[in-house]
Every structure is written in structure tokens, then in C-alpha cells.
Amino acid sequence: MAFPASRRLFAAAAPKLSSLFTPRPTPKPSPLPPEFGDGPRRRKPMPRSRHPWGEDAAALLRRLHEGRYLPGPYLPDAPHVVSPDAVKAAAERFGNDHQVVANRRWLSGSDLKKVALFGCPSVERRTVFASKRLRAFFNLPEEKVCSSCKIRSSCQFINQEVPRYDKVILSDTMRILALFVLDAYPEPLQVTAEVKASVRKLLKDTINLSI
């Protein structure tokens, strides 16, 4: 049986099925991570780890827990489950409730002055002014302390004076001491053994006198 010429032409010109689709390019293999390849390994920046807290920090945490200023964590895990900011705020509230310890001048004036002369353990506003008020109690000029500060380039309150205070504000002092015992101060600050001894004694005396 003969087909019409037009039908024969259509049959002859019919494209192949494979030509109706655009061929997909062969995907290139994904590069292996550096640890599996031969290239140099790139390390992601690691967050700064917290140092293990020592006996002084443990004593502070226990006292804050006893006074219900702070939940009581398992102490070895404390650096990982309790932020220094939370401890600092709790220590400040504790100091506010036990101002009588400072009012009766039970704390060592020489140790308080050593801590005051060291400077601010942070450039955070609340801590800076807590430190300034302690210095004002001892009538220490801000310029003298700020001129030797290792973190002054990051501070917005250099040489700024505050009104003279006739008493030690224990909430300020506890905020400062908490930063020292938690090692929560910037790395450029080098805390001497003498200052650490004063911090340790002030913290111990405050805890004992508040019971």
C-alpha cells in the first residue's frame, strides 16, 4: 500500500525522540571538604572558651545560691551553664541587700584601695561607674588611673569624674569582685598577685560577714 507523498515526507522528517529533550550536563563532582582533600585545611574561628572557675568563684556561687540570688548549678559545669553577666548582676543585688557590711567598715580599706587603684575590670558602662565611685571614695584622681589603663582605647568614659562618695557602695564592690573571680575581664588586663589576694580577701570577708 502506497502512502501519500506528504505523509512519506513527514515520516522521513520525524525527529528522534532523544532530540526533543535538551541533554542535561553531567554534574561535576562536589569538591571534598578540606579535611578529605589534599588542599590546606581552613579552621573556623573558635569562640573564646571560659576558663574553669576556681574556689573563690565557687564560694561566691554557693553564697548567691543560698541567698536565692542565683540558681544553684552543678559547680564544675558552672562556667558553661551560668553566664558571667548573670553572676555579676546577682552579686550586685547581694551587695545591695548587705550594705551594712560596708557601712560598718568591716572590710579592709587597704585591700579596697588596691582594687580601686587597679582600675576598671570592664569598659561596660555600669561596671566603669561602679569602679569610678569606688575610686571617688578614696579620692583617687581619674586621670591617674585612666592614664595607665590597658583598655582605655575601648573606653568612652576616660578621665570622667563622678561625685565624691563618703561610703563604699557594696553593690558596686561586689560587681567588681565578681568580674575578677570569674576571670571575666579583658585579656589585656594583667591582674597582679597582690590585687588577686586583695580580691580574694574582700570576697571572703564579705561572704562571712553577710551570714
N, C-alpha and C. Protein backbone atom coordinates (compact mmCIF):
# COMPACT_ATOMS: atom_id res chain seq x y z
N MET A 1 0.84 -1.19 0.00
CA MET A 1 0.00 0.00 0.00
C MET A 1 0.88 1.24 0.00
N ALA A 2 0.63 2.13 -0.90
CA ALA A 2 1.47 3.32 -1.04
C ALA A 2 0.91 4.45 -0.21
N PHE A 3 1.77 5.18 0.47
CA PHE A 3 1.36 6.33 1.27
C PHE A 3 1.44 7.60 0.45
N PRO A 4 0.61 8.56 0.75
CA PRO A 4 0.70 9.84 0.05
C PRO A 4 2.08 10.46 0.25
N ALA A 5 2.46 11.28 -0.71
CA ALA A 5 3.81 11.88 -0.67
C ALA A 5 4.01 12.71 0.57
N SER A 6 2.95 13.46 0.97
CA SER A 6 3.10 14.32 2.15
C SER A 6 3.32 13.49 3.40
N ARG A 7 2.66 12.35 3.49
CA ARG A 7 2.82 11.50 4.67
C ARG A 7 4.19 10.88 4.72
N ARG A 8 4.69 10.47 3.50
CA ARG A 8 6.03 9.91 3.45
C ARG A 8 7.07 10.94 3.85
N LEU A 9 6.86 12.21 3.47
CA LEU A 9 7.80 13.28 3.81
C LEU A 9 7.81 13.51 5.32
N PHE A 10 6.63 13.47 5.95
CA PHE A 10 6.54 13.66 7.40
C PHE A 10 7.24 12.56 8.15
N ALA A 11 7.04 11.34 7.66
CA ALA A 11 7.68 10.19 8.30
C ALA A 11 9.18 10.27 8.18
N ALA A 12 9.64 10.75 7.02
CA ALA A 12 11.09 10.82 6.82
C ALA A 12 11.71 11.90 7.68
N ALA A 13 10.93 12.97 7.90
CA ALA A 13 11.49 14.10 8.64
C ALA A 13 11.23 14.03 10.14
N ALA A 14 10.55 12.99 10.59
CA ALA A 14 10.22 12.89 12.02
C ALA A 14 11.49 12.85 12.86
N PRO A 15 11.59 13.73 13.83
CA PRO A 15 12.81 13.76 14.65
C PRO A 15 12.86 12.59 15.61
N LYS A 16 14.06 12.29 16.01
CA LYS A 16 14.22 11.25 17.02
C LYS A 16 13.72 11.75 18.37
N LEU A 17 13.23 10.81 19.17
CA LEU A 17 12.68 11.17 20.48
C LEU A 17 13.72 11.84 21.36
N SER A 18 14.96 11.39 21.25
CA SER A 18 16.02 11.93 22.13
C SER A 18 16.34 13.38 21.83
N SER A 19 16.04 13.79 20.56
CA SER A 19 16.36 15.17 20.19
C SER A 19 15.35 16.17 20.71
N LEU A 20 14.22 15.67 21.23
CA LEU A 20 13.20 16.57 21.75
C LEU A 20 13.56 17.13 23.12
N PHE A 21 14.54 16.58 23.75
CA PHE A 21 14.92 17.00 25.09
C PHE A 21 16.34 17.54 25.09
N THR A 22 16.53 18.60 25.81
CA THR A 22 17.88 19.17 25.94
C THR A 22 18.70 18.27 26.84
N PRO A 23 19.81 17.81 26.36
CA PRO A 23 20.62 16.90 27.20
C PRO A 23 21.10 17.62 28.45
N ARG A 24 20.98 16.95 29.60
CA ARG A 24 21.43 17.52 30.87
C ARG A 24 22.94 17.37 30.99
N PRO A 25 23.61 18.44 31.36
CA PRO A 25 25.07 18.32 31.52
C PRO A 25 25.41 17.39 32.67
N THR A 26 26.48 16.70 32.51
CA THR A 26 26.93 15.80 33.57
C THR A 26 27.41 16.63 34.76
N PRO A 27 26.80 16.44 35.92
CA PRO A 27 27.21 17.26 37.08
C PRO A 27 28.65 16.99 37.48
N LYS A 28 29.33 18.08 37.82
CA LYS A 28 30.70 17.93 38.29
C LYS A 28 30.70 17.49 39.74
N PRO A 29 31.60 16.66 40.09
CA PRO A 29 31.64 16.21 41.50
C PRO A 29 31.93 17.38 42.42
N SER A 30 31.22 17.43 43.54
CA SER A 30 31.45 18.50 44.53
C SER A 30 32.83 18.35 45.14
N PRO A 31 33.50 19.47 45.37
CA PRO A 31 34.83 19.36 46.00
C PRO A 31 34.72 18.82 47.41
N LEU A 32 35.66 18.02 47.76
CA LEU A 32 35.67 17.44 49.10
C LEU A 32 36.03 18.50 50.13
N PRO A 33 35.52 18.36 51.32
CA PRO A 33 35.94 19.26 52.39
C PRO A 33 37.44 19.21 52.58
N PRO A 34 38.02 20.27 53.10
CA PRO A 34 39.49 20.30 53.25
C PRO A 34 40.05 19.12 53.99
N GLU A 35 39.28 18.60 54.97
CA GLU A 35 39.87 17.52 55.74
C GLU A 35 39.99 16.22 54.95
N PHE A 36 39.25 16.14 53.79
CA PHE A 36 39.33 14.94 52.97
C PHE A 36 40.19 15.15 51.73
N GLY A 37 40.49 16.37 51.41
CA GLY A 37 41.27 16.64 50.23
C GLY A 37 42.74 16.82 50.54
N ASP A 38 43.42 17.25 49.47
CA ASP A 38 44.86 17.44 49.63
C ASP A 38 45.21 18.90 49.90
N GLY A 39 44.21 19.81 49.82
CA GLY A 39 44.49 21.22 49.99
C GLY A 39 44.68 21.59 51.45
N PRO A 40 45.06 22.83 51.71
CA PRO A 40 45.27 23.27 53.09
C PRO A 40 43.94 23.33 53.84
N ARG A 41 43.96 23.00 55.10
CA ARG A 41 42.77 23.00 55.93
C ARG A 41 42.53 24.40 56.50
N ARG A 42 41.28 24.84 56.41
CA ARG A 42 40.92 26.14 56.96
C ARG A 42 40.12 25.93 58.23
N ARG A 43 40.52 26.57 59.25
CA ARG A 43 39.84 26.43 60.54
C ARG A 43 38.90 27.60 60.76
N LYS A 44 37.71 27.27 61.21
CA LYS A 44 36.77 28.32 61.57
C LYS A 44 37.20 28.96 62.88
N PRO A 45 36.97 30.25 63.00
CA PRO A 45 37.34 30.89 64.28
C PRO A 45 36.54 30.30 65.42
N MET A 46 37.23 29.92 66.46
CA MET A 46 36.59 29.31 67.62
C MET A 46 36.20 30.39 68.61
N PRO A 47 35.00 30.27 69.20
CA PRO A 47 34.64 31.23 70.24
C PRO A 47 35.56 31.10 71.44
N ARG A 48 35.77 32.22 72.11
CA ARG A 48 36.67 32.21 73.26
C ARG A 48 36.06 31.36 74.38
N SER A 49 36.79 30.36 74.82
CA SER A 49 36.29 29.49 75.88
C SER A 49 36.48 30.15 77.24
N ARG A 50 35.60 29.81 78.15
CA ARG A 50 35.70 30.34 79.50
C ARG A 50 36.65 29.49 80.33
N HIS A 51 37.43 30.14 81.12
CA HIS A 51 38.35 29.42 81.99
C HIS A 51 37.57 28.73 83.12
N PRO A 52 38.05 27.61 83.58
CA PRO A 52 37.40 26.98 84.75
C PRO A 52 37.42 27.94 85.93
N TRP A 53 36.32 28.01 86.62
CA TRP A 53 36.25 28.90 87.78
C TRP A 53 36.86 28.23 88.99
N GLY A 54 37.58 29.00 89.78
CA GLY A 54 38.29 28.46 90.93
C GLY A 54 37.46 28.45 92.19
N GLU A 55 38.15 28.26 93.31
CA GLU A 55 37.48 28.14 94.61
C GLU A 55 36.75 29.43 95.00
N ASP A 56 37.34 30.56 94.66
CA ASP A 56 36.69 31.83 95.01
C ASP A 56 35.36 31.99 94.28
N ALA A 57 35.36 31.63 93.01
CA ALA A 57 34.11 31.70 92.24
C ALA A 57 33.09 30.72 92.78
N ALA A 58 33.54 29.53 93.16
CA ALA A 58 32.63 28.53 93.73
C ALA A 58 32.01 29.03 95.03
N ALA A 59 32.82 29.69 95.87
CA ALA A 59 32.31 30.24 97.13
C ALA A 59 31.27 31.33 96.86
N LEU A 60 31.54 32.16 95.86
CA LEU A 60 30.58 33.21 95.52
C LEU A 60 29.27 32.60 95.01
N LEU A 61 29.37 31.60 94.14
CA LEU A 61 28.17 30.97 93.60
C LEU A 61 27.34 30.31 94.70
N ARG A 62 28.02 29.65 95.63
CA ARG A 62 27.29 29.00 96.73
C ARG A 62 26.54 30.03 97.57
N ARG A 63 27.21 31.14 97.87
CA ARG A 63 26.56 32.17 98.70
C ARG A 63 25.38 32.80 97.96
N LEU A 64 25.54 33.04 96.68
CA LEU A 64 24.44 33.61 95.90
C LEU A 64 23.28 32.63 95.79
N HIS A 65 23.61 31.35 95.71
CA HIS A 65 22.55 30.33 95.66
C HIS A 65 21.83 30.24 97.01
N GLU A 66 22.58 30.28 98.09
CA GLU A 66 21.97 30.22 99.42
C GLU A 66 21.02 31.39 99.65
N GLY A 67 21.38 32.54 99.12
CA GLY A 67 20.53 33.72 99.28
C GLY A 67 19.46 33.84 98.21
N ARG A 68 19.37 32.85 97.35
CA ARG A 68 18.38 32.82 96.27
C ARG A 68 18.56 33.97 95.28
N TYR A 69 19.79 34.37 95.11
CA TYR A 69 20.09 35.37 94.09
C TYR A 69 20.40 34.71 92.75
N LEU A 70 20.67 33.43 92.79
CA LEU A 70 21.11 32.71 91.60
C LEU A 70 20.75 31.24 91.75
N PRO A 71 20.29 30.59 90.68
CA PRO A 71 20.05 29.14 90.76
C PRO A 71 21.35 28.42 91.06
N GLY A 72 21.25 27.28 91.70
CA GLY A 72 22.45 26.54 92.09
C GLY A 72 22.83 25.49 91.07
N PRO A 73 23.78 25.79 90.17
CA PRO A 73 24.21 24.80 89.19
C PRO A 73 25.19 23.81 89.80
N TYR A 74 25.42 22.74 89.08
CA TYR A 74 26.49 21.83 89.44
C TYR A 74 27.79 22.59 89.20
N LEU A 75 28.54 22.85 90.27
CA LEU A 75 29.65 23.80 90.20
C LEU A 75 30.67 23.52 89.11
N PRO A 76 31.09 22.25 88.87
CA PRO A 76 32.06 22.04 87.80
C PRO A 76 31.55 22.47 86.43
N ASP A 77 30.22 22.47 86.24
CA ASP A 77 29.66 22.87 84.96
C ASP A 77 29.28 24.35 84.92
N ALA A 78 29.48 25.05 86.02
CA ALA A 78 29.01 26.43 86.13
C ALA A 78 29.49 27.34 85.00
N PRO A 79 30.77 27.27 84.58
CA PRO A 79 31.21 28.18 83.51
C PRO A 79 30.45 27.98 82.21
N HIS A 80 29.82 26.82 82.03
CA HIS A 80 29.14 26.53 80.78
C HIS A 80 27.64 26.80 80.85
N VAL A 81 27.07 26.85 82.04
CA VAL A 81 25.62 27.00 82.17
C VAL A 81 25.21 28.32 82.82
N VAL A 82 26.15 29.03 83.40
CA VAL A 82 25.85 30.32 84.02
C VAL A 82 26.75 31.38 83.39
N SER A 83 26.15 32.44 82.89
CA SER A 83 26.95 33.48 82.26
C SER A 83 27.55 34.41 83.32
N PRO A 84 28.73 34.95 83.05
CA PRO A 84 29.31 35.92 83.99
C PRO A 84 28.40 37.11 84.23
N ASP A 85 27.63 37.51 83.23
CA ASP A 85 26.71 38.64 83.40
C ASP A 85 25.65 38.32 84.45
N ALA A 86 25.15 37.07 84.45
CA ALA A 86 24.14 36.69 85.43
C ALA A 86 24.72 36.70 86.84
N VAL A 87 25.95 36.20 86.98
CA VAL A 87 26.61 36.19 88.29
C VAL A 87 26.88 37.62 88.75
N LYS A 88 27.32 38.44 87.83
CA LYS A 88 27.63 39.84 88.15
C LYS A 88 26.38 40.57 88.65
N ALA A 89 25.26 40.38 87.97
CA ALA A 89 24.01 41.02 88.38
C ALA A 89 23.54 40.49 89.74
N ALA A 90 23.68 39.18 89.95
CA ALA A 90 23.28 38.58 91.23
C ALA A 90 24.16 39.10 92.36
N ALA A 91 25.46 39.22 92.10
CA ALA A 91 26.39 39.74 93.12
C ALA A 91 26.05 41.18 93.47
N GLU A 92 25.63 41.94 92.49
CA GLU A 92 25.25 43.33 92.72
C GLU A 92 24.01 43.41 93.62
N ARG A 93 23.03 42.56 93.38
CA ARG A 93 21.83 42.54 94.23
C ARG A 93 22.17 42.10 95.65
N PHE A 94 23.07 41.12 95.73
CA PHE A 94 23.53 40.67 97.05
C PHE A 94 24.17 41.83 97.81
N GLY A 95 25.03 42.58 97.15
CA GLY A 95 25.69 43.71 97.79
C GLY A 95 24.70 44.77 98.24
N ASN A 96 23.69 44.99 97.44
CA ASN A 96 22.67 45.99 97.80
C ASN A 96 21.92 45.58 99.07
N ASP A 97 21.69 44.28 99.22
CA ASP A 97 20.96 43.79 100.40
C ASP A 97 21.83 43.72 101.65
N HIS A 98 23.15 43.78 101.47
CA HIS A 98 24.06 43.65 102.62
C HIS A 98 24.98 44.86 102.74
N GLN A 99 24.44 46.03 102.45
CA GLN A 99 25.21 47.27 102.52
C GLN A 99 25.78 47.51 103.92
N VAL A 100 25.14 46.95 104.93
CA VAL A 100 25.60 47.14 106.31
C VAL A 100 27.04 46.68 106.49
N VAL A 101 27.46 45.68 105.71
CA VAL A 101 28.84 45.19 105.81
C VAL A 101 29.82 46.31 105.49
N ALA A 102 29.50 47.12 104.50
CA ALA A 102 30.36 48.24 104.13
C ALA A 102 30.16 49.44 105.06
N ASN A 103 28.92 49.65 105.47
CA ASN A 103 28.63 50.81 106.33
C ASN A 103 29.39 50.76 107.65
N ARG A 104 29.55 49.56 108.16
CA ARG A 104 30.24 49.41 109.45
C ARG A 104 31.76 49.29 109.29
N ARG A 105 32.21 49.48 108.07
CA ARG A 105 33.65 49.49 107.77
C ARG A 105 34.34 48.20 108.24
N TRP A 106 33.67 47.09 107.98
CA TRP A 106 34.25 45.80 108.34
C TRP A 106 35.26 45.31 107.30
N LEU A 107 35.22 45.88 106.12
CA LEU A 107 36.12 45.44 105.06
C LEU A 107 37.43 46.21 105.11
N SER A 108 38.50 45.56 104.66
CA SER A 108 39.83 46.15 104.69
C SER A 108 39.92 47.35 103.75
N GLY A 109 40.24 48.51 104.31
CA GLY A 109 40.39 49.70 103.49
C GLY A 109 41.57 49.60 102.54
N SER A 110 42.66 48.99 102.99
CA SER A 110 43.85 48.88 102.13
C SER A 110 43.58 47.97 100.94
N ASP A 111 42.82 46.89 101.17
CA ASP A 111 42.50 45.99 100.05
C ASP A 111 41.53 46.65 99.08
N LEU A 112 40.57 47.38 99.60
CA LEU A 112 39.64 48.10 98.73
C LEU A 112 40.39 49.13 97.87
N LYS A 113 41.36 49.79 98.47
CA LYS A 113 42.10 50.81 97.73
C LYS A 113 42.96 50.18 96.63
N LYS A 114 43.53 49.01 96.90
CA LYS A 114 44.32 48.32 95.87
C LYS A 114 43.45 47.97 94.66
N VAL A 115 42.23 47.49 94.94
CA VAL A 115 41.31 47.16 93.85
C VAL A 115 40.91 48.43 93.11
N ALA A 116 40.67 49.51 93.85
CA ALA A 116 40.29 50.78 93.22
C ALA A 116 41.41 51.31 92.32
N LEU A 117 42.65 51.23 92.80
CA LEU A 117 43.78 51.73 92.03
C LEU A 117 44.05 50.92 90.77
N PHE A 118 43.67 49.65 90.79
CA PHE A 118 43.91 48.81 89.62
C PHE A 118 43.16 49.34 88.40
N GLY A 119 41.97 49.86 88.62
CA GLY A 119 41.17 50.36 87.50
C GLY A 119 39.93 49.53 87.27
N CYS A 120 39.31 49.75 86.13
CA CYS A 120 38.05 49.08 85.82
C CYS A 120 38.31 47.71 85.19
N PRO A 121 37.61 46.67 85.64
CA PRO A 121 37.78 45.34 85.04
C PRO A 121 36.95 45.15 83.78
N SER A 122 36.30 46.21 83.32
CA SER A 122 35.47 46.15 82.11
C SER A 122 35.21 47.56 81.63
N VAL A 123 34.93 47.71 80.33
CA VAL A 123 34.58 49.02 79.79
C VAL A 123 33.06 49.18 79.69
N GLU A 124 32.33 48.20 80.18
CA GLU A 124 30.86 48.28 80.20
C GLU A 124 30.46 49.40 81.16
N ARG A 125 29.50 50.20 80.76
CA ARG A 125 29.17 51.44 81.48
C ARG A 125 28.91 51.23 82.97
N ARG A 126 28.08 50.27 83.30
CA ARG A 126 27.70 50.07 84.70
C ARG A 126 28.91 49.71 85.56
N THR A 127 29.78 48.89 85.01
CA THR A 127 30.98 48.48 85.75
C THR A 127 31.98 49.63 85.85
N VAL A 128 32.11 50.40 84.79
CA VAL A 128 33.02 51.55 84.81
C VAL A 128 32.63 52.53 85.91
N PHE A 129 31.36 52.85 86.01
CA PHE A 129 30.94 53.83 87.02
C PHE A 129 30.94 53.25 88.42
N ALA A 130 30.77 51.93 88.53
CA ALA A 130 30.95 51.30 89.84
C ALA A 130 32.39 51.46 90.30
N SER A 131 33.33 51.28 89.37
CA SER A 131 34.75 51.44 89.69
C SER A 131 35.09 52.89 90.00
N LYS A 132 34.50 53.81 89.26
CA LYS A 132 34.75 55.23 89.49
C LYS A 132 34.25 55.67 90.88
N ARG A 133 33.09 55.14 91.28
CA ARG A 133 32.56 55.51 92.60
C ARG A 133 33.45 54.98 93.72
N LEU A 134 34.03 53.79 93.50
CA LEU A 134 34.96 53.27 94.50
C LEU A 134 36.21 54.14 94.57
N ARG A 135 36.69 54.58 93.43
CA ARG A 135 37.86 55.47 93.42
C ARG A 135 37.53 56.82 94.05
N ALA A 136 36.31 57.29 93.82
CA ALA A 136 35.91 58.57 94.40
C ALA A 136 35.88 58.51 95.92
N PHE A 137 35.55 57.35 96.46
CA PHE A 137 35.55 57.20 97.92
C PHE A 137 36.95 57.44 98.48
N PHE A 138 37.96 56.97 97.76
CA PHE A 138 39.35 57.14 98.20
C PHE A 138 39.96 58.43 97.65
N ASN A 139 39.15 59.22 96.96
CA ASN A 139 39.62 60.49 96.39
C ASN A 139 40.78 60.28 95.43
N LEU A 140 40.70 59.24 94.63
CA LEU A 140 41.74 58.94 93.65
C LEU A 140 41.41 59.67 92.35
N PRO A 141 42.34 60.44 91.79
CA PRO A 141 42.06 61.16 90.54
C PRO A 141 41.89 60.20 89.37
N GLU A 142 40.87 60.43 88.58
CA GLU A 142 40.60 59.56 87.42
C GLU A 142 41.75 59.58 86.43
N GLU A 143 42.34 60.73 86.23
CA GLU A 143 43.43 60.83 85.26
C GLU A 143 44.58 59.90 85.61
N LYS A 144 44.87 59.77 86.89
CA LYS A 144 45.96 58.90 87.32
C LYS A 144 45.68 57.44 86.98
N VAL A 145 44.46 57.00 87.21
CA VAL A 145 44.11 55.60 86.96
C VAL A 145 43.94 55.34 85.46
N CYS A 146 43.25 56.25 84.78
CA CYS A 146 42.96 56.05 83.35
C CYS A 146 44.22 56.09 82.49
N SER A 147 45.20 56.88 82.91
CA SER A 147 46.40 57.04 82.07
C SER A 147 47.18 55.74 81.91
N SER A 148 47.08 54.84 82.87
CA SER A 148 47.82 53.57 82.80
C SER A 148 46.92 52.39 82.46
N CYS A 149 45.66 52.66 82.11
CA CYS A 149 44.71 51.58 81.82
C CYS A 149 45.04 50.91 80.48
N LYS A 150 45.03 49.59 80.46
CA LYS A 150 45.36 48.83 79.26
C LYS A 150 44.20 48.75 78.27
N ILE A 151 43.00 49.10 78.70
CA ILE A 151 41.85 49.00 77.81
C ILE A 151 41.22 50.38 77.57
N ARG A 152 41.97 51.42 77.79
CA ARG A 152 41.44 52.77 77.67
C ARG A 152 41.01 53.10 76.24
N SER A 153 41.63 52.48 75.24
CA SER A 153 41.27 52.77 73.85
C SER A 153 39.85 52.33 73.53
N SER A 154 39.28 51.45 74.35
CA SER A 154 37.92 50.97 74.12
C SER A 154 36.91 51.64 75.04
N CYS A 155 37.37 52.53 75.89
CA CYS A 155 36.50 53.13 76.91
C CYS A 155 35.97 54.49 76.45
N GLN A 156 34.70 54.74 76.74
CA GLN A 156 34.07 56.02 76.39
C GLN A 156 34.05 57.00 77.56
N PHE A 157 34.61 56.59 78.69
CA PHE A 157 34.48 57.42 79.89
C PHE A 157 35.84 57.77 80.51
N ILE A 158 36.86 57.90 79.68
CA ILE A 158 38.21 58.19 80.17
C ILE A 158 38.23 59.53 80.90
N ASN A 159 38.84 59.51 82.10
CA ASN A 159 39.04 60.72 82.91
C ASN A 159 37.74 61.38 83.38
N GLN A 160 36.62 60.73 83.18
CA GLN A 160 35.35 61.31 83.61
C GLN A 160 35.19 61.14 85.12
N GLU A 161 35.02 62.25 85.81
CA GLU A 161 34.89 62.23 87.26
C GLU A 161 33.44 61.95 87.68
N VAL A 162 33.28 61.47 88.90
CA VAL A 162 31.95 61.28 89.49
C VAL A 162 31.93 62.00 90.83
N PRO A 163 30.74 62.26 91.39
CA PRO A 163 30.68 62.95 92.69
C PRO A 163 31.41 62.17 93.78
N ARG A 164 31.91 62.88 94.74
CA ARG A 164 32.62 62.28 95.88
C ARG A 164 31.64 61.48 96.73
N TYR A 165 32.04 60.28 97.12
CA TYR A 165 31.20 59.43 97.96
C TYR A 165 31.85 59.27 99.33
N ASP A 166 31.01 59.29 100.36
CA ASP A 166 31.53 59.16 101.72
C ASP A 166 31.37 57.75 102.26
N LYS A 167 31.03 56.80 101.40
CA LYS A 167 30.90 55.41 101.83
C LYS A 167 31.22 54.49 100.66
N VAL A 168 31.58 53.27 101.00
CA VAL A 168 31.77 52.23 99.99
C VAL A 168 30.41 51.65 99.65
N ILE A 169 30.07 51.63 98.39
CA ILE A 169 28.80 51.06 97.95
C ILE A 169 29.03 49.58 97.66
N LEU A 170 28.48 48.72 98.50
CA LEU A 170 28.81 47.30 98.41
C LEU A 170 28.31 46.66 97.11
N SER A 171 27.21 47.14 96.57
CA SER A 171 26.74 46.58 95.29
C SER A 171 27.76 46.84 94.19
N ASP A 172 28.39 48.02 94.20
CA ASP A 172 29.46 48.31 93.24
C ASP A 172 30.65 47.38 93.47
N THR A 173 31.03 47.25 94.72
CA THR A 173 32.20 46.42 95.05
C THR A 173 31.99 44.97 94.65
N MET A 174 30.81 44.43 94.91
CA MET A 174 30.53 43.04 94.56
C MET A 174 30.51 42.84 93.05
N ARG A 175 30.03 43.81 92.32
CA ARG A 175 30.04 43.72 90.86
C ARG A 175 31.48 43.63 90.35
N ILE A 176 32.34 44.44 90.93
CA ILE A 176 33.75 44.45 90.53
C ILE A 176 34.43 43.14 90.92
N LEU A 177 34.24 42.71 92.16
CA LEU A 177 34.87 41.47 92.63
C LEU A 177 34.43 40.27 91.82
N ALA A 178 33.16 40.23 91.44
CA ALA A 178 32.65 39.10 90.66
C ALA A 178 33.39 38.96 89.34
N LEU A 179 33.66 40.07 88.68
CA LEU A 179 34.38 40.01 87.41
C LEU A 179 35.79 39.47 87.59
N PHE A 180 36.43 39.84 88.68
CA PHE A 180 37.78 39.35 88.94
C PHE A 180 37.79 37.85 89.23
N VAL A 181 36.92 37.38 90.11
CA VAL A 181 36.97 35.97 90.49
C VAL A 181 36.49 35.05 89.38
N LEU A 182 35.70 35.59 88.44
CA LEU A 182 35.23 34.79 87.30
C LEU A 182 36.20 34.86 86.12
N ASP A 183 37.27 35.61 86.26
CA ASP A 183 38.20 35.84 85.15
C ASP A 183 37.46 36.39 83.93
N ALA A 184 36.51 37.28 84.18
CA ALA A 184 35.67 37.80 83.10
C ALA A 184 36.13 39.18 82.63
N TYR A 185 37.38 39.50 82.85
CA TYR A 185 37.92 40.79 82.42
C TYR A 185 38.69 40.61 81.12
N PRO A 186 38.88 41.68 80.33
CA PRO A 186 39.57 41.57 79.05
C PRO A 186 41.01 41.07 79.20
N GLU A 187 41.48 40.38 78.18
CA GLU A 187 42.82 39.79 78.22
C GLU A 187 43.95 40.81 78.41
N PRO A 188 43.85 42.02 77.83
CA PRO A 188 44.97 42.97 78.02
C PRO A 188 45.24 43.31 79.48
N LEU A 189 44.24 43.16 80.34
CA LEU A 189 44.45 43.48 81.76
C LEU A 189 45.27 42.38 82.42
N GLN A 190 46.30 42.77 83.09
CA GLN A 190 47.16 41.82 83.80
C GLN A 190 46.99 42.06 85.30
N VAL A 191 46.24 41.19 85.91
CA VAL A 191 45.93 41.33 87.34
C VAL A 191 47.09 40.76 88.15
N THR A 192 47.69 41.57 88.97
CA THR A 192 48.84 41.14 89.75
C THR A 192 48.41 40.21 90.89
N ALA A 193 49.38 39.49 91.42
CA ALA A 193 49.10 38.59 92.54
C ALA A 193 48.62 39.38 93.75
N GLU A 194 49.13 40.59 93.91
CA GLU A 194 48.73 41.43 95.05
C GLU A 194 47.25 41.82 94.95
N VAL A 195 46.82 42.20 93.75
CA VAL A 195 45.42 42.56 93.56
C VAL A 195 44.53 41.34 93.72
N LYS A 196 44.97 40.20 93.20
CA LYS A 196 44.19 38.97 93.35
C LYS A 196 44.02 38.60 94.82
N ALA A 197 45.07 38.79 95.60
CA ALA A 197 44.99 38.49 97.03
C ALA A 197 43.98 39.42 97.72
N SER A 198 43.97 40.68 97.32
CA SER A 198 43.00 41.63 97.90
C SER A 198 41.58 41.26 97.51
N VAL A 199 41.39 40.89 96.26
CA VAL A 199 40.06 40.47 95.79
C VAL A 199 39.59 39.26 96.57
N ARG A 200 40.48 38.30 96.75
CA ARG A 200 40.13 37.06 97.47
C ARG A 200 39.74 37.37 98.91
N LYS A 201 40.50 38.24 99.57
CA LYS A 201 40.21 38.56 100.97
C LYS A 201 38.90 39.34 101.11
N LEU A 202 38.68 40.29 100.22
CA LEU A 202 37.45 41.08 100.27
C LEU A 202 36.23 40.21 100.05
N LEU A 203 36.33 39.29 99.10
CA LEU A 203 35.20 38.41 98.82
C LEU A 203 34.93 37.49 100.01
N LYS A 204 35.99 36.91 100.55
CA LYS A 204 35.83 36.00 101.69
C LYS A 204 35.22 36.73 102.89
N ASP A 205 35.72 37.92 103.19
CA ASP A 205 35.21 38.67 104.33
C ASP A 205 33.75 39.08 104.12
N THR A 206 33.42 39.50 102.92
CA THR A 206 32.04 39.90 102.64
C THR A 206 31.08 38.73 102.80
N ILE A 207 31.48 37.57 102.30
CA ILE A 207 30.62 36.39 102.42
C ILE A 207 30.44 36.01 103.89
N ASN A 208 31.54 35.98 104.63
CA ASN A 208 31.46 35.58 106.04
C ASN A 208 30.66 36.57 106.88
N LEU A 209 30.82 37.86 106.60
CA LEU A 209 30.14 38.88 107.40
C LEU A 209 28.66 39.03 107.04
N SER A 210 28.28 38.45 105.92
CA SER A 210 26.88 38.58 105.49
C SER A 210 26.01 37.44 105.99
N ILE A 211 26.62 36.46 106.63
CA ILE A 211 25.86 35.28 107.10
C ILE A 211 25.17 35.59 108.43
